[in-house]
Amino acid sequence: MLKNNKDSEAISYLELALEYNPASIEAIDLYYEVNLSMYGTIKNFNILEIAFASNPSFELMEIYVKSSNLSPLEIYNRLESIVENPKKHLSIFLSIAAYLNLPDKFNIITS
């Protein structure tokens, strides 16, 4: 679809693929790249947030960071708020805090 300049159709197929597998990092990454190229912005952060909430990962955070215009602290707080039990994913959130240069979060996370 993308090779044939059918970006809107590609978005539809990617959205369908994400309904079947909301944690597919490859589909999410492509979905957001196509969104950015078509609209210059992200139309639906909900897809990424649902995927991160169900399966927090560093890769999903990277997509969120490159797609968002939020500050590092706002990104961290948002991701932390959508995960049911952030302490259960301690290594992910420590990695995110380090990546976003938020050293104050280290003490909060580990306490």
PDB file of N, CA and C in Angstrom:
ATOM      1  N   MET A   1       0.824  -1.196   0.000  1.00  0.00           N
ATOM      2  CA  MET A   1       0.000   0.000   0.000  1.00  0.00           C
ATOM      3  C   MET A   1       0.868   1.260   0.000  1.00  0.00           C
ATOM      4  N   LEU A   2       1.885   1.256   0.845  1.00  0.00           N
ATOM      5  CA  LEU A   2       2.732   2.448   0.936  1.00  0.00           C
ATOM      6  C   LEU A   2       3.523   2.668  -0.353  1.00  0.00           C
ATOM      7  N   LYS A   3       3.991   1.590  -0.962  1.00  0.00           N
ATOM      8  CA  LYS A   3       4.744   1.719  -2.209  1.00  0.00           C
ATOM      9  C   LYS A   3       3.873   2.270  -3.324  1.00  0.00           C
ATOM     10  N   ASN A   4       2.558   2.054  -3.234  1.00  0.00           N
ATOM     11  CA  ASN A   4       1.622   2.539  -4.248  1.00  0.00           C
ATOM     12  C   ASN A   4       0.960   3.845  -3.844  1.00  0.00           C
ATOM     13  N   ASN A   5       1.538   4.522  -2.853  1.00  0.00           N
ATOM     14  CA  ASN A   5       1.029   5.821  -2.363  1.00  0.00           C
ATOM     15  C   ASN A   5      -0.426   5.744  -1.909  1.00  0.00           C
ATOM     16  N   LYS A   6      -0.783   4.654  -1.279  1.00  0.00           N
ATOM     17  CA  LYS A   6      -2.126   4.480  -0.730  1.00  0.00           C
ATOM     18  C   LYS A   6      -2.024   4.515   0.794  1.00  0.00           C
ATOM     19  N   ASP A   7      -1.558   5.667   1.293  1.00  0.00           N
ATOM     20  CA  ASP A   7      -1.304   5.810   2.727  1.00  0.00           C
ATOM     21  C   ASP A   7      -2.559   5.635   3.574  1.00  0.00           C
ATOM     22  N   SER A   8      -3.679   6.164   3.120  1.00  0.00           N
ATOM     23  CA  SER A   8      -4.924   6.039   3.893  1.00  0.00           C
ATOM     24  C   SER A   8      -5.337   4.580   4.038  1.00  0.00           C
ATOM     25  N   GLU A   9      -5.185   3.820   2.969  1.00  0.00           N
ATOM     26  CA  GLU A   9      -5.508   2.397   3.039  1.00  0.00           C
ATOM     27  C   GLU A   9      -4.518   1.667   3.938  1.00  0.00           C
ATOM     28  N   ALA A  10      -3.263   2.065   3.883  1.00  0.00           N
ATOM     29  CA  ALA A  10      -2.253   1.448   4.747  1.00  0.00           C
ATOM     30  C   ALA A  10      -2.597   1.699   6.210  1.00  0.00           C
ATOM     31  N   ILE A  11      -3.028   2.916   6.524  1.00  0.00           N
ATOM     32  CA  ILE A  11      -3.436   3.238   7.899  1.00  0.00           C
ATOM     33  C   ILE A  11      -4.578   2.326   8.329  1.00  0.00           C
ATOM     34  N   SER A  12      -5.545   2.129   7.461  1.00  0.00           N
ATOM     35  CA  SER A  12      -6.689   1.259   7.791  1.00  0.00           C
ATOM     36  C   SER A  12      -6.234  -0.172   8.084  1.00  0.00           C
ATOM     37  N   TYR A  13      -5.334  -0.696   7.256  1.00  0.00           N
ATOM     38  CA  TYR A  13      -4.827  -2.051   7.476  1.00  0.00           C
ATOM     39  C   TYR A  13      -4.009  -2.134   8.768  1.00  0.00           C
ATOM     40  N   LEU A  14      -3.223  -1.112   9.036  1.00  0.00           N
ATOM     41  CA  LEU A  14      -2.425  -1.112  10.262  1.00  0.00           C
ATOM     42  C   LEU A  14      -3.311  -1.036  11.500  1.00  0.00           C
ATOM     43  N   GLU A  15      -4.373  -0.238  11.426  1.00  0.00           N
ATOM     44  CA  GLU A  15      -5.305  -0.169  12.552  1.00  0.00           C
ATOM     45  C   GLU A  15      -5.970  -1.520  12.793  1.00  0.00           C
ATOM     46  N   LEU A  16      -6.325  -2.198  11.719  1.00  0.00           N
ATOM     47  CA  LEU A  16      -6.916  -3.536  11.840  1.00  0.00           C
ATOM     48  C   LEU A  16      -5.900  -4.520  12.438  1.00  0.00           C
ATOM     49  N   ALA A  17      -4.668  -4.453  11.963  1.00  0.00           N
ATOM     50  CA  ALA A  17      -3.620  -5.326  12.499  1.00  0.00           C
ATOM     51  C   ALA A  17      -3.434  -5.076  13.992  1.00  0.00           C
ATOM     52  N   LEU A  18      -3.527  -3.825  14.403  1.00  0.00           N
ATOM     53  CA  LEU A  18      -3.344  -3.487  15.817  1.00  0.00           C
ATOM     54  C   LEU A  18      -4.542  -3.888  16.668  1.00  0.00           C
ATOM     55  N   GLU A  19      -5.699  -4.018  16.055  1.00  0.00           N
ATOM     56  CA  GLU A  19      -6.843  -4.570  16.798  1.00  0.00           C
ATOM     57  C   GLU A  19      -6.576  -6.034  17.158  1.00  0.00           C
ATOM     58  N   TYR A  20      -5.954  -6.762  16.241  1.00  0.00           N
ATOM     59  CA  TYR A  20      -5.644  -8.172  16.468  1.00  0.00           C
ATOM     60  C   TYR A  20      -4.444  -8.359  17.389  1.00  0.00           C
ATOM     61  N   ASN A  21      -3.468  -7.478  17.271  1.00  0.00           N
ATOM     62  CA  ASN A  21      -2.259  -7.584  18.091  1.00  0.00           C
ATOM     63  C   ASN A  21      -1.825  -6.176  18.514  1.00  0.00           C
ATOM     64  N   PRO A  22      -2.423  -5.650  19.603  1.00  0.00           N
ATOM     65  CA  PRO A  22      -2.148  -4.277  20.004  1.00  0.00           C
ATOM     66  C   PRO A  22      -0.722  -4.028  20.482  1.00  0.00           C
ATOM     67  N   ALA A  23       0.057  -5.070  20.698  1.00  0.00           N
ATOM     68  CA  ALA A  23       1.425  -4.879  21.175  1.00  0.00           C
ATOM     69  C   ALA A  23       2.466  -5.089  20.078  1.00  0.00           C
ATOM     70  N   SER A  24       2.057  -5.147  18.817  1.00  0.00           N
ATOM     71  CA  SER A  24       3.002  -5.337  17.718  1.00  0.00           C
ATOM     72  C   SER A  24       3.814  -4.065  17.518  1.00  0.00           C
ATOM     73  N   ILE A  25       5.042  -4.113  17.970  1.00  0.00           N
ATOM     74  CA  ILE A  25       5.896  -2.928  17.899  1.00  0.00           C
ATOM     75  C   ILE A  25       6.120  -2.496  16.454  1.00  0.00           C
ATOM     76  N   GLU A  26       6.298  -3.451  15.565  1.00  0.00           N
ATOM     77  CA  GLU A  26       6.530  -3.120  14.158  1.00  0.00           C
ATOM     78  C   GLU A  26       5.328  -2.396  13.554  1.00  0.00           C
ATOM     79  N   ALA A  27       4.115  -2.907  13.826  1.00  0.00           N
ATOM     80  CA  ALA A  27       2.905  -2.278  13.277  1.00  0.00           C
ATOM     81  C   ALA A  27       2.691  -0.900  13.886  1.00  0.00           C
ATOM     82  N   ILE A  28       2.945  -0.770  15.176  1.00  0.00           N
ATOM     83  CA  ILE A  28       2.788   0.536  15.839  1.00  0.00           C
ATOM     84  C   ILE A  28       3.772   1.539  15.274  1.00  0.00           C
ATOM     85  N   ASP A  29       5.027   1.130  15.126  1.00  0.00           N
ATOM     86  CA  ASP A  29       6.050   2.034  14.606  1.00  0.00           C
ATOM     87  C   ASP A  29       5.686   2.501  13.205  1.00  0.00           C
ATOM     88  N   LEU A  30       5.274   1.583  12.350  1.00  0.00           N
ATOM     89  CA  LEU A  30       4.885   1.945  10.983  1.00  0.00           C
ATOM     90  C   LEU A  30       3.643   2.830  10.989  1.00  0.00           C
ATOM     91  N   TYR A  31       2.686   2.501  11.837  1.00  0.00           N
ATOM     92  CA  TYR A  31       1.458   3.297  11.947  1.00  0.00           C
ATOM     93  C   TYR A  31       1.788   4.756  12.271  1.00  0.00           C
ATOM     94  N   TYR A  32       2.653   4.974  13.242  1.00  0.00           N
ATOM     95  CA  TYR A  32       2.995   6.338  13.626  1.00  0.00           C
ATOM     96  C   TYR A  32       3.864   7.039  12.592  1.00  0.00           C
ATOM     97  N   GLU A  33       4.732   6.312  11.910  1.00  0.00           N
ATOM     98  CA  GLU A  33       5.522   6.913  10.840  1.00  0.00           C
ATOM     99  C   GLU A  33       4.624   7.389   9.701  1.00  0.00           C
ATOM    100  N   VAL A  34       3.642   6.567   9.338  1.00  0.00           N
ATOM    101  CA  VAL A  34       2.720   6.945   8.263  1.00  0.00           C
ATOM    102  C   VAL A  34       1.874   8.141   8.709  1.00  0.00           C
ATOM    103  N   ASN A  35       1.405   8.124   9.951  1.00  0.00           N
ATOM    104  CA  ASN A  35       0.647   9.259  10.491  1.00  0.00           C
ATOM    105  C   ASN A  35       1.454  10.543  10.397  1.00  0.00           C
ATOM    106  N   LEU A  36       2.708  10.476  10.824  1.00  0.00           N
ATOM    107  CA  LEU A  36       3.553  11.671  10.790  1.00  0.00           C
ATOM    108  C   LEU A  36       3.771  12.158   9.363  1.00  0.00           C
ATOM    109  N   SER A  37       3.994  11.238   8.435  1.00  0.00           N
ATOM    110  CA  SER A  37       4.226  11.657   7.056  1.00  0.00           C
ATOM    111  C   SER A  37       2.963  12.217   6.412  1.00  0.00           C
ATOM    112  N   MET A  38       1.800  11.661   6.760  1.00  0.00           N
ATOM    113  CA  MET A  38       0.541  12.123   6.161  1.00  0.00           C
ATOM    114  C   MET A  38       0.038  13.423   6.777  1.00  0.00           C
ATOM    115  N   TYR A  39       0.103  13.519   8.089  1.00  0.00           N
ATOM    116  CA  TYR A  39      -0.546  14.626   8.782  1.00  0.00           C
ATOM    117  C   TYR A  39       0.422  15.578   9.475  1.00  0.00           C
ATOM    118  N   GLY A  40       1.685  15.187   9.595  1.00  0.00           N
ATOM    119  CA  GLY A  40       2.644  16.004  10.315  1.00  0.00           C
ATOM    120  C   GLY A  40       2.465  15.923  11.823  1.00  0.00           C
ATOM    121  N   THR A  41       1.552  15.081  12.247  1.00  0.00           N
ATOM    122  CA  THR A  41       1.267  14.895  13.663  1.00  0.00           C
ATOM    123  C   THR A  41       0.681  13.503  13.863  1.00  0.00           C
ATOM    124  N   ILE A  42       0.510  13.136  15.097  1.00  0.00           N
ATOM    125  CA  ILE A  42      -0.080  11.843  15.414  1.00  0.00           C
ATOM    126  C   ILE A  42      -1.563  12.045  15.665  1.00  0.00           C
ATOM    127  N   LYS A  43      -2.368  11.248  15.015  1.00  0.00           N
ATOM    128  CA  LYS A  43      -3.813  11.364  15.147  1.00  0.00           C
ATOM    129  C   LYS A  43      -4.371  10.555  16.313  1.00  0.00           C
ATOM    130  N   ASN A  44      -3.682   9.475  16.710  1.00  0.00           N
ATOM    131  CA  ASN A  44      -4.287   8.575  17.680  1.00  0.00           C
ATOM    132  C   ASN A  44      -3.228   7.994  18.621  1.00  0.00           C
ATOM    133  N   PHE A  45      -2.958   8.711  19.713  1.00  0.00           N
ATOM    134  CA  PHE A  45      -2.012   8.208  20.713  1.00  0.00           C
ATOM    135  C   PHE A  45      -2.622   7.062  21.514  1.00  0.00           C
ATOM    136  N   ASN A  46      -3.931   6.929  21.461  1.00  0.00           N
ATOM    137  CA  ASN A  46      -4.620   5.896  22.224  1.00  0.00           C
ATOM    138  C   ASN A  46      -4.093   4.498  21.888  1.00  0.00           C
ATOM    139  N   ILE A  47      -3.797   4.241  20.629  1.00  0.00           N
ATOM    140  CA  ILE A  47      -3.288   2.936  20.210  1.00  0.00           C
ATOM    141  C   ILE A  47      -1.972   2.638  20.925  1.00  0.00           C
ATOM    142  N   LEU A  48      -1.085   3.602  20.946  1.00  0.00           N
ATOM    143  CA  LEU A  48       0.205   3.418  21.592  1.00  0.00           C
ATOM    144  C   LEU A  48       0.060   3.270  23.103  1.00  0.00           C
ATOM    145  N   GLU A  49      -0.825   4.041  23.685  1.00  0.00           N
ATOM    146  CA  GLU A  49      -1.029   3.959  25.128  1.00  0.00           C
ATOM    147  C   GLU A  49      -1.651   2.623  25.539  1.00  0.00           C
ATOM    148  N   ILE A  50      -2.573   2.112  24.755  1.00  0.00           N
ATOM    149  CA  ILE A  50      -3.161   0.795  25.043  1.00  0.00           C
ATOM    150  C   ILE A  50      -2.079  -0.278  24.971  1.00  0.00           C
ATOM    151  N   ALA A  51      -1.247  -0.210  23.948  1.00  0.00           N
ATOM    152  CA  ALA A  51      -0.169  -1.197  23.803  1.00  0.00           C
ATOM    153  C   ALA A  51       0.797  -1.115  24.979  1.00  0.00           C
ATOM    154  N   PHE A  52       1.175   0.095  25.374  1.00  0.00           N
ATOM    155  CA  PHE A  52       2.115   0.248  26.484  1.00  0.00           C
ATOM    156  C   PHE A  52       1.491  -0.214  27.797  1.00  0.00           C
ATOM    157  N   ALA A  53       0.227   0.085  27.997  1.00  0.00           N
ATOM    158  CA  ALA A  53      -0.452  -0.326  29.236  1.00  0.00           C
ATOM    159  C   ALA A  53      -0.500  -1.846  29.356  1.00  0.00           C
ATOM    160  N   SER A  54      -0.699  -2.527  28.235  1.00  0.00           N
ATOM    161  CA  SER A  54      -0.799  -3.989  28.288  1.00  0.00           C
ATOM    162  C   SER A  54       0.559  -4.667  28.298  1.00  0.00           C
ATOM    163  N   ASN A  55       1.565  -4.012  27.736  1.00  0.00           N
ATOM    164  CA  ASN A  55       2.892  -4.615  27.653  1.00  0.00           C
ATOM    165  C   ASN A  55       3.956  -3.518  27.644  1.00  0.00           C
ATOM    166  N   PRO A  56       4.263  -2.942  28.829  1.00  0.00           N
ATOM    167  CA  PRO A  56       5.260  -1.859  28.874  1.00  0.00           C
ATOM    168  C   PRO A  56       6.599  -2.318  28.304  1.00  0.00           C
ATOM    169  N   SER A  57       7.144  -1.520  27.418  1.00  0.00           N
ATOM    170  CA  SER A  57       8.439  -1.867  26.842  1.00  0.00           C
ATOM    171  C   SER A  57       9.204  -0.601  26.489  1.00  0.00           C
ATOM    172  N   PHE A  58      10.519  -0.739  26.465  1.00  0.00           N
ATOM    173  CA  PHE A  58      11.387   0.378  26.115  1.00  0.00           C
ATOM    174  C   PHE A  58      11.127   0.811  24.673  1.00  0.00           C
ATOM    175  N   GLU A  59      10.891  -0.160  23.796  1.00  0.00           N
ATOM    176  CA  GLU A  59      10.664   0.142  22.381  1.00  0.00           C
ATOM    177  C   GLU A  59       9.408   0.983  22.179  1.00  0.00           C
ATOM    178  N   LEU A  60       8.345   0.637  22.902  1.00  0.00           N
ATOM    179  CA  LEU A  60       7.111   1.427  22.796  1.00  0.00           C
ATOM    180  C   LEU A  60       7.321   2.833  23.342  1.00  0.00           C
ATOM    181  N   MET A  61       8.096   2.953  24.415  1.00  0.00           N
ATOM    182  CA  MET A  61       8.401   4.269  24.952  1.00  0.00           C
ATOM    183  C   MET A  61       9.155   5.104  23.923  1.00  0.00           C
ATOM    184  N   GLU A  62      10.096   4.501  23.212  1.00  0.00           N
ATOM    185  CA  GLU A  62      10.848   5.242  22.197  1.00  0.00           C
ATOM    186  C   GLU A  62       9.919   5.777  21.107  1.00  0.00           C
ATOM    187  N   ILE A  63       8.967   4.970  20.688  1.00  0.00           N
ATOM    188  CA  ILE A  63       7.997   5.422  19.688  1.00  0.00           C
ATOM    189  C   ILE A  63       7.184   6.582  20.258  1.00  0.00           C
ATOM    190  N   TYR A  64       6.770   6.469  21.510  1.00  0.00           N
ATOM    191  CA  TYR A  64       5.999   7.513  22.167  1.00  0.00           C
ATOM    192  C   TYR A  64       6.806   8.809  22.209  1.00  0.00           C
ATOM    193  N   VAL A  65       8.079   8.715  22.577  1.00  0.00           N
ATOM    194  CA  VAL A  65       8.931   9.898  22.669  1.00  0.00           C
ATOM    195  C   VAL A  65       9.077  10.576  21.309  1.00  0.00           C
ATOM    196  N   LYS A  66       9.358   9.799  20.279  1.00  0.00           N
ATOM    197  CA  LYS A  66       9.582  10.420  18.964  1.00  0.00           C
ATOM    198  C   LYS A  66       8.289  10.956  18.342  1.00  0.00           C
ATOM    199  N   SER A  67       7.142  10.472  18.829  1.00  0.00           N
ATOM    200  CA  SER A  67       5.861  10.899  18.278  1.00  0.00           C
ATOM    201  C   SER A  67       5.220  12.029  19.079  1.00  0.00           C
ATOM    202  N   SER A  68       5.738  12.294  20.257  1.00  0.00           N
ATOM    203  CA  SER A  68       5.093  13.222  21.178  1.00  0.00           C
ATOM    204  C   SER A  68       5.813  14.563  21.215  1.00  0.00           C
ATOM    205  N   ASN A  69       5.077  15.589  21.586  1.00  0.00           N
ATOM    206  CA  ASN A  69       5.694  16.892  21.817  1.00  0.00           C
ATOM    207  C   ASN A  69       5.670  17.249  23.308  1.00  0.00           C
ATOM    208  N   LEU A  70       5.455  16.237  24.159  1.00  0.00           N
ATOM    209  CA  LEU A  70       5.444  16.439  25.603  1.00  0.00           C
ATOM    210  C   LEU A  70       6.877  16.505  26.135  1.00  0.00           C
ATOM    211  N   SER A  71       7.033  17.105  27.306  1.00  0.00           N
ATOM    212  CA  SER A  71       8.341  17.143  27.955  1.00  0.00           C
ATOM    213  C   SER A  71       8.687  15.742  28.464  1.00  0.00           C
ATOM    214  N   PRO A  72       9.969  15.478  28.726  1.00  0.00           N
ATOM    215  CA  PRO A  72      10.332  14.157  29.268  1.00  0.00           C
ATOM    216  C   PRO A  72       9.568  13.803  30.545  1.00  0.00           C
ATOM    217  N   LEU A  73       9.412  14.745  31.443  1.00  0.00           N
ATOM    218  CA  LEU A  73       8.683  14.478  32.675  1.00  0.00           C
ATOM    219  C   LEU A  73       7.215  14.157  32.398  1.00  0.00           C
ATOM    220  N   GLU A  74       6.601  14.895  31.483  1.00  0.00           N
ATOM    221  CA  GLU A  74       5.208  14.621  31.123  1.00  0.00           C
ATOM    222  C   GLU A  74       5.067  13.237  30.486  1.00  0.00           C
ATOM    223  N   ILE A  75       6.020  12.873  29.642  1.00  0.00           N
ATOM    224  CA  ILE A  75       5.995  11.542  29.015  1.00  0.00           C
ATOM    225  C   ILE A  75       6.096  10.466  30.087  1.00  0.00           C
ATOM    226  N   TYR A  76       7.061  10.607  30.978  1.00  0.00           N
ATOM    227  CA  TYR A  76       7.239   9.614  32.031  1.00  0.00           C
ATOM    228  C   TYR A  76       5.978   9.486  32.876  1.00  0.00           C
ATOM    229  N   ASN A  77       5.451  10.604  33.323  1.00  0.00           N
ATOM    230  CA  ASN A  77       4.254  10.579  34.168  1.00  0.00           C
ATOM    231  C   ASN A  77       3.067   9.965  33.454  1.00  0.00           C
ATOM    232  N   ARG A  78       2.920  10.260  32.176  1.00  0.00           N
ATOM    233  CA  ARG A  78       1.806   9.694  31.410  1.00  0.00           C
ATOM    234  C   ARG A  78       1.948   8.178  31.298  1.00  0.00           C
ATOM    235  N   LEU A  79       3.141   7.722  30.943  1.00  0.00           N
ATOM    236  CA  LEU A  79       3.350   6.279  30.809  1.00  0.00           C
ATOM    237  C   LEU A  79       3.174   5.571  32.150  1.00  0.00           C
ATOM    238  N   GLU A  80       3.654   6.184  33.206  1.00  0.00           N
ATOM    239  CA  GLU A  80       3.499   5.598  34.529  1.00  0.00           C
ATOM    240  C   GLU A  80       2.025   5.518  34.932  1.00  0.00           C
ATOM    241  N   SER A  81       1.257   6.520  34.539  1.00  0.00           N
ATOM    242  CA  SER A  81      -0.155   6.565  34.932  1.00  0.00           C
ATOM    243  C   SER A  81      -1.025   5.540  34.200  1.00  0.00           C
ATOM    244  N   ILE A  82      -0.598   5.086  33.028  1.00  0.00           N
ATOM    245  CA  ILE A  82      -1.439   4.160  32.270  1.00  0.00           C
ATOM    246  C   ILE A  82      -1.126   2.691  32.563  1.00  0.00           C
ATOM    247  N   VAL A  83      -0.048   2.443  33.292  1.00  0.00           N
ATOM    248  CA  VAL A  83       0.307   1.073  33.661  1.00  0.00           C
ATOM    249  C   VAL A  83      -0.293   0.765  35.024  1.00  0.00           C
ATOM    250  N   GLU A  84      -0.933  -0.383  35.114  1.00  0.00           N
ATOM    251  CA  GLU A  84      -1.640  -0.754  36.341  1.00  0.00           C
ATOM    252  C   GLU A  84      -0.723  -0.774  37.563  1.00  0.00           C
ATOM    253  N   ASN A  85       0.451  -1.371  37.449  1.00  0.00           N
ATOM    254  CA  ASN A  85       1.373  -1.459  38.578  1.00  0.00           C
ATOM    255  C   ASN A  85       2.795  -1.197  38.073  1.00  0.00           C
ATOM    256  N   PRO A  86       3.211   0.080  38.010  1.00  0.00           N
ATOM    257  CA  PRO A  86       4.543   0.394  37.471  1.00  0.00           C
ATOM    258  C   PRO A  86       5.689  -0.319  38.193  1.00  0.00           C
ATOM    259  N   LYS A  87       5.556  -0.556  39.505  1.00  0.00           N
ATOM    260  CA  LYS A  87       6.639  -1.224  40.245  1.00  0.00           C
ATOM    261  C   LYS A  87       6.839  -2.668  39.783  1.00  0.00           C
ATOM    262  N   LYS A  88       5.817  -3.241  39.181  1.00  0.00           N
ATOM    263  CA  LYS A  88       5.935  -4.593  38.623  1.00  0.00           C
ATOM    264  C   LYS A  88       6.879  -4.591  37.414  1.00  0.00           C
ATOM    265  N   HIS A  89       7.052  -3.433  36.816  1.00  0.00           N
ATOM    266  CA  HIS A  89       7.895  -3.264  35.623  1.00  0.00           C
ATOM    267  C   HIS A  89       9.062  -2.336  35.964  1.00  0.00           C
ATOM    268  N   LEU A  90       9.674  -2.591  37.095  1.00  0.00           N
ATOM    269  CA  LEU A  90      10.714  -1.727  37.631  1.00  0.00           C
ATOM    270  C   LEU A  90      11.849  -1.479  36.641  1.00  0.00           C
ATOM    271  N   SER A  91      12.341  -2.521  36.004  1.00  0.00           N
ATOM    272  CA  SER A  91      13.472  -2.348  35.089  1.00  0.00           C
ATOM    273  C   SER A  91      13.105  -1.463  33.894  1.00  0.00           C
ATOM    274  N   ILE A  92      11.892  -1.595  33.400  1.00  0.00           N
ATOM    275  CA  ILE A  92      11.453  -0.755  32.273  1.00  0.00           C
ATOM    276  C   ILE A  92      11.407   0.712  32.703  1.00  0.00           C
ATOM    277  N   PHE A  93      10.802   0.975  33.856  1.00  0.00           N
ATOM    278  CA  PHE A  93      10.665   2.364  34.289  1.00  0.00           C
ATOM    279  C   PHE A  93      11.996   2.980  34.715  1.00  0.00           C
ATOM    280  N   LEU A  94      12.900   2.184  35.250  1.00  0.00           N
ATOM    281  CA  LEU A  94      14.245   2.700  35.524  1.00  0.00           C
ATOM    282  C   LEU A  94      14.951   3.048  34.214  1.00  0.00           C
ATOM    283  N   SER A  95      14.790   2.205  33.208  1.00  0.00           N
ATOM    284  CA  SER A  95      15.381   2.474  31.890  1.00  0.00           C
ATOM    285  C   SER A  95      14.786   3.725  31.261  1.00  0.00           C
ATOM    286  N   ILE A  96      13.479   3.872  31.386  1.00  0.00           N
ATOM    287  CA  ILE A  96      12.807   5.053  30.838  1.00  0.00           C
ATOM    288  C   ILE A  96      13.294   6.311  31.544  1.00  0.00           C
ATOM    289  N   ALA A  97      13.396   6.258  32.880  1.00  0.00           N
ATOM    290  CA  ALA A  97      13.877   7.419  33.641  1.00  0.00           C
ATOM    291  C   ALA A  97      15.295   7.795  33.217  1.00  0.00           C
ATOM    292  N   ALA A  98      16.135   6.797  33.013  1.00  0.00           N
ATOM    293  CA  ALA A  98      17.506   7.069  32.572  1.00  0.00           C
ATOM    294  C   ALA A  98      17.516   7.659  31.166  1.00  0.00           C
ATOM    295  N   TYR A  99      16.751   7.076  30.267  1.00  0.00           N
ATOM    296  CA  TYR A  99      16.688   7.545  28.881  1.00  0.00           C
ATOM    297  C   TYR A  99      16.191   8.987  28.806  1.00  0.00           C
ATOM    298  N   LEU A 100      15.204   9.316  29.643  1.00  0.00           N
ATOM    299  CA  LEU A 100      14.617  10.663  29.634  1.00  0.00           C
ATOM    300  C   LEU A 100      15.366  11.631  30.544  1.00  0.00           C
ATOM    301  N   ASN A 101      16.465  11.160  31.140  1.00  0.00           N
ATOM    302  CA  ASN A 101      17.292  11.975  32.026  1.00  0.00           C
ATOM    303  C   ASN A 101      16.470  12.551  33.183  1.00  0.00           C
ATOM    304  N   LEU A 102      15.826  11.643  33.902  1.00  0.00           N
ATOM    305  CA  LEU A 102      15.006  12.016  35.050  1.00  0.00           C
ATOM    306  C   LEU A 102      15.540  11.324  36.308  1.00  0.00           C
ATOM    307  N   PRO A 103      16.709  11.753  36.802  1.00  0.00           N
ATOM    308  CA  PRO A 103      17.312  11.069  37.947  1.00  0.00           C
ATOM    309  C   PRO A 103      16.453  11.118  39.209  1.00  0.00           C
ATOM    310  N   ASP A 104      15.607  12.120  39.359  1.00  0.00           N
ATOM    311  CA  ASP A 104      14.736  12.200  40.533  1.00  0.00           C
ATOM    312  C   ASP A 104      13.766  11.024  40.593  1.00  0.00           C
ATOM    313  N   LYS A 105      13.458  10.443  39.463  1.00  0.00           N
ATOM    314  CA  LYS A 105      12.521   9.314  39.432  1.00  0.00           C
ATOM    315  C   LYS A 105      13.150   8.028  39.981  1.00  0.00           C
ATOM    316  N   PHE A 106      14.484   7.914  39.971  1.00  0.00           N
ATOM    317  CA  PHE A 106      15.138   6.698  40.462  1.00  0.00           C
ATOM    318  C   PHE A 106      14.751   6.410  41.911  1.00  0.00           C
ATOM    319  N   ASN A 107      14.847   7.419  42.767  1.00  0.00           N
ATOM    320  CA  ASN A 107      14.540   7.234  44.183  1.00  0.00           C
ATOM    321  C   ASN A 107      13.062   6.934  44.400  1.00  0.00           C
ATOM    322  N   ILE A 108      12.208   7.586  43.660  1.00  0.00           N
ATOM    323  CA  ILE A 108      10.778   7.375  43.796  1.00  0.00           C
ATOM    324  C   ILE A 108      10.395   5.959  43.372  1.00  0.00           C
ATOM    325  N   ILE A 109      10.962   5.501  42.276  1.00  0.00           N
ATOM    326  CA  ILE A 109      10.633   4.183  41.739  1.00  0.00           C
ATOM    327  C   ILE A 109      11.069   3.077  42.694  1.00  0.00           C
ATOM    328  N   THR A 110      12.267   3.217  43.216  1.00  0.00           N
ATOM    329  CA  THR A 110      12.827   2.129  44.020  1.00  0.00           C
ATOM    330  C   THR A 110      12.421   2.173  45.485  1.00  0.00           C
ATOM    331  N   SER A 111      11.713   3.208  45.901  1.00  0.00           N
ATOM    332  CA  SER A 111      11.319   3.272  47.315  1.00  0.00           C
ATOM    333  C   SER A 111       9.992   2.579  47.573  1.00  0.00           C
TER     334      SER A 111
END
